[in-house]
């Protein structure tokens, strides 16, 4: 037996809500990554006693991680959410 048009519409709406939930859930990771690495950079640059070669190396890694959080992670979330197919 086939579904009625109203049942198909309800399933499509449920699928959209499910995709929106996963998109928002996965966007937490880039935001947390960005925030944590900004704290690392700020702490090294503000606190004078942390100005060592080792900490500057850690800051360079944090800057690279910030670039990943800004450029790569949102695109990965988009690709992940767009490739999910709702089962009907």
C-alpha atoms as a PDB file:
ATOM      1  CA  UNK A   1       0.000   0.000   0.000  1.00  0.00           C
ATOM      2  CA  UNK A   2       1.179   3.480  -0.803  1.00  0.00           C
ATOM      3  CA  UNK A   3       1.233   6.419   1.500  1.00  0.00           C
ATOM      4  CA  UNK A   4      -1.093   9.342   1.224  1.00  0.00           C
ATOM      5  CA  UNK A   5       0.357  12.754   0.286  1.00  0.00           C
ATOM      6  CA  UNK A   6      -0.151  14.024   3.830  1.00  0.00           C
ATOM      7  CA  UNK A   7       1.859  11.102   5.238  1.00  0.00           C
ATOM      8  CA  UNK A   8       4.665  11.789   2.751  1.00  0.00           C
ATOM      9  CA  UNK A   9       4.683  15.438   3.766  1.00  0.00           C
ATOM     10  CA  UNK A  10       4.865  14.524   7.452  1.00  0.00           C
ATOM     11  CA  UNK A  11       7.802  12.200   6.773  1.00  0.00           C
ATOM     12  CA  UNK A  12       9.616  14.902   4.815  1.00  0.00           C
ATOM     13  CA  UNK A  13       9.097  17.423   7.601  1.00  0.00           C
ATOM     14  CA  UNK A  14      10.398  14.932  10.159  1.00  0.00           C
ATOM     15  CA  UNK A  15      13.438  14.331   7.955  1.00  0.00           C
ATOM     16  CA  UNK A  16      14.146  18.069   7.730  1.00  0.00           C
ATOM     17  CA  UNK A  17      13.913  18.437  11.499  1.00  0.00           C
ATOM     18  CA  UNK A  18      16.255  15.478  11.962  1.00  0.00           C
ATOM     19  CA  UNK A  19      18.797  17.018   9.571  1.00  0.00           C
ATOM     20  CA  UNK A  20      18.568  20.377  11.325  1.00  0.00           C
ATOM     21  CA  UNK A  21      19.161  18.702  14.683  1.00  0.00           C
ATOM     22  CA  UNK A  22      22.296  16.914  13.424  1.00  0.00           C
ATOM     23  CA  UNK A  23      23.607  20.050  11.735  1.00  0.00           C
ATOM     24  CA  UNK A  24      23.277  22.068  14.938  1.00  0.00           C
ATOM     25  CA  UNK A  25      24.736  19.237  17.013  1.00  0.00           C
ATOM     26  CA  UNK A  26      27.765  18.885  14.756  1.00  0.00           C
ATOM     27  CA  UNK A  27      28.386  22.632  14.670  1.00  0.00           C
ATOM     28  CA  UNK A  28      29.165  22.507  18.385  1.00  0.00           C
ATOM     29  CA  UNK A  29      32.577  20.966  17.627  1.00  0.00           C
ATOM     30  CA  UNK A  30      33.965  23.842  15.523  1.00  0.00           C
ATOM     31  CA  UNK A  31      32.676  26.407  18.016  1.00  0.00           C
ATOM     32  CA  UNK A  32      34.263  24.641  20.990  1.00  0.00           C
ATOM     33  CA  UNK A  33      37.504  24.129  19.053  1.00  0.00           C
ATOM     34  CA  UNK A  34      37.646  27.793  18.112  1.00  0.00           C
ATOM     35  CA  UNK A  35      36.912  28.960  21.652  1.00  0.00           C
ATOM     36  CA  UNK A  36      39.482  26.662  23.285  1.00  0.00           C
ATOM     37  CA  UNK A  37      42.261  27.571  20.898  1.00  0.00           C
ATOM     38  CA  UNK A  38      41.538  31.277  21.239  1.00  0.00           C
ATOM     39  CA  UNK A  39      41.933  30.860  24.994  1.00  0.00           C
ATOM     40  CA  UNK A  40      45.327  29.199  24.453  1.00  0.00           C
ATOM     41  CA  UNK A  41      46.500  32.056  22.227  1.00  0.00           C
ATOM     42  CA  UNK A  42      45.216  34.746  24.569  1.00  0.00           C
ATOM     43  CA  UNK A  43      46.748  33.172  27.646  1.00  0.00           C
ATOM     44  CA  UNK A  44      50.200  32.965  26.059  1.00  0.00           C
ATOM     45  CA  UNK A  45      50.115  36.503  24.703  1.00  0.00           C
ATOM     46  CA  UNK A  46      48.675  38.107  27.843  1.00  0.00           C
ATOM     47  CA  UNK A  47      50.728  36.310  30.500  1.00  0.00           C
ATOM     48  CA  UNK A  48      54.345  37.443  30.298  1.00  0.00           C
ATOM     49  CA  UNK A  49      55.745  34.354  32.021  1.00  0.00           C
ATOM     50  CA  UNK A  50      54.345  32.141  29.252  1.00  0.00           C
ATOM     51  CA  UNK A  51      56.513  33.793  26.586  1.00  0.00           C
ATOM     52  CA  UNK A  52      58.771  30.816  25.899  1.00  0.00           C
ATOM     53  CA  UNK A  53      59.772  29.086  22.679  1.00  0.00           C
ATOM     54  CA  UNK A  54      57.731  26.014  23.627  1.00  0.00           C
ATOM     55  CA  UNK A  55      54.593  28.028  24.244  1.00  0.00           C
ATOM     56  CA  UNK A  56      55.003  29.934  20.982  1.00  0.00           C
ATOM     57  CA  UNK A  57      55.158  26.567  19.238  1.00  0.00           C
ATOM     58  CA  UNK A  58      51.919  25.597  21.008  1.00  0.00           C
ATOM     59  CA  UNK A  59      50.379  28.890  19.859  1.00  0.00           C
ATOM     60  CA  UNK A  60      51.353  28.133  16.264  1.00  0.00           C
ATOM     61  CA  UNK A  61      49.594  24.764  16.577  1.00  0.00           C
ATOM     62  CA  UNK A  62      46.569  26.502  18.087  1.00  0.00           C
ATOM     63  CA  UNK A  63      46.480  28.956  15.166  1.00  0.00           C
ATOM     64  CA  UNK A  64      46.577  26.052  12.712  1.00  0.00           C
ATOM     65  CA  UNK A  65      43.753  24.406  14.648  1.00  0.00           C
ATOM     66  CA  UNK A  66      41.758  27.663  14.523  1.00  0.00           C
ATOM     67  CA  UNK A  67      42.115  27.675  10.746  1.00  0.00           C
ATOM     68  CA  UNK A  68      40.843  24.106  10.618  1.00  0.00           C
ATOM     69  CA  UNK A  69      37.895  25.048  12.843  1.00  0.00           C
ATOM     70  CA  UNK A  70      37.009  27.979  10.588  1.00  0.00           C
ATOM     71  CA  UNK A  71      37.717  26.576   7.127  1.00  0.00           C
ATOM     72  CA  UNK A  72      37.381  22.794   7.258  1.00  0.00           C
ATOM     73  CA  UNK A  73      34.977  21.788  10.027  1.00  0.00           C
ATOM     74  CA  UNK A  74      31.924  23.775   8.824  1.00  0.00           C
ATOM     75  CA  UNK A  75      32.354  22.318   5.338  1.00  0.00           C
ATOM     76  CA  UNK A  76      32.656  18.829   6.818  1.00  0.00           C
ATOM     77  CA  UNK A  77      29.440  19.379   8.784  1.00  0.00           C
ATOM     78  CA  UNK A  78      27.704  20.547   5.597  1.00  0.00           C
ATOM     79  CA  UNK A  79      28.878  17.508   3.644  1.00  0.00           C
ATOM     80  CA  UNK A  80      27.926  15.148   6.461  1.00  0.00           C
ATOM     81  CA  UNK A  81      24.420  16.550   6.792  1.00  0.00           C
ATOM     82  CA  UNK A  82      23.813  16.747   3.031  1.00  0.00           C
ATOM     83  CA  UNK A  83      24.817  13.117   2.441  1.00  0.00           C
ATOM     84  CA  UNK A  84      22.421  11.747   5.062  1.00  0.00           C
ATOM     85  CA  UNK A  85      19.391  10.174   3.425  1.00  0.00           C
ATOM     86  CA  UNK A  86      16.217   9.898   5.416  1.00  0.00           C
ATOM     87  CA  UNK A  87      14.701   6.457   5.384  1.00  0.00           C
ATOM     88  CA  UNK A  88      11.011   6.475   4.743  1.00  0.00           C
END
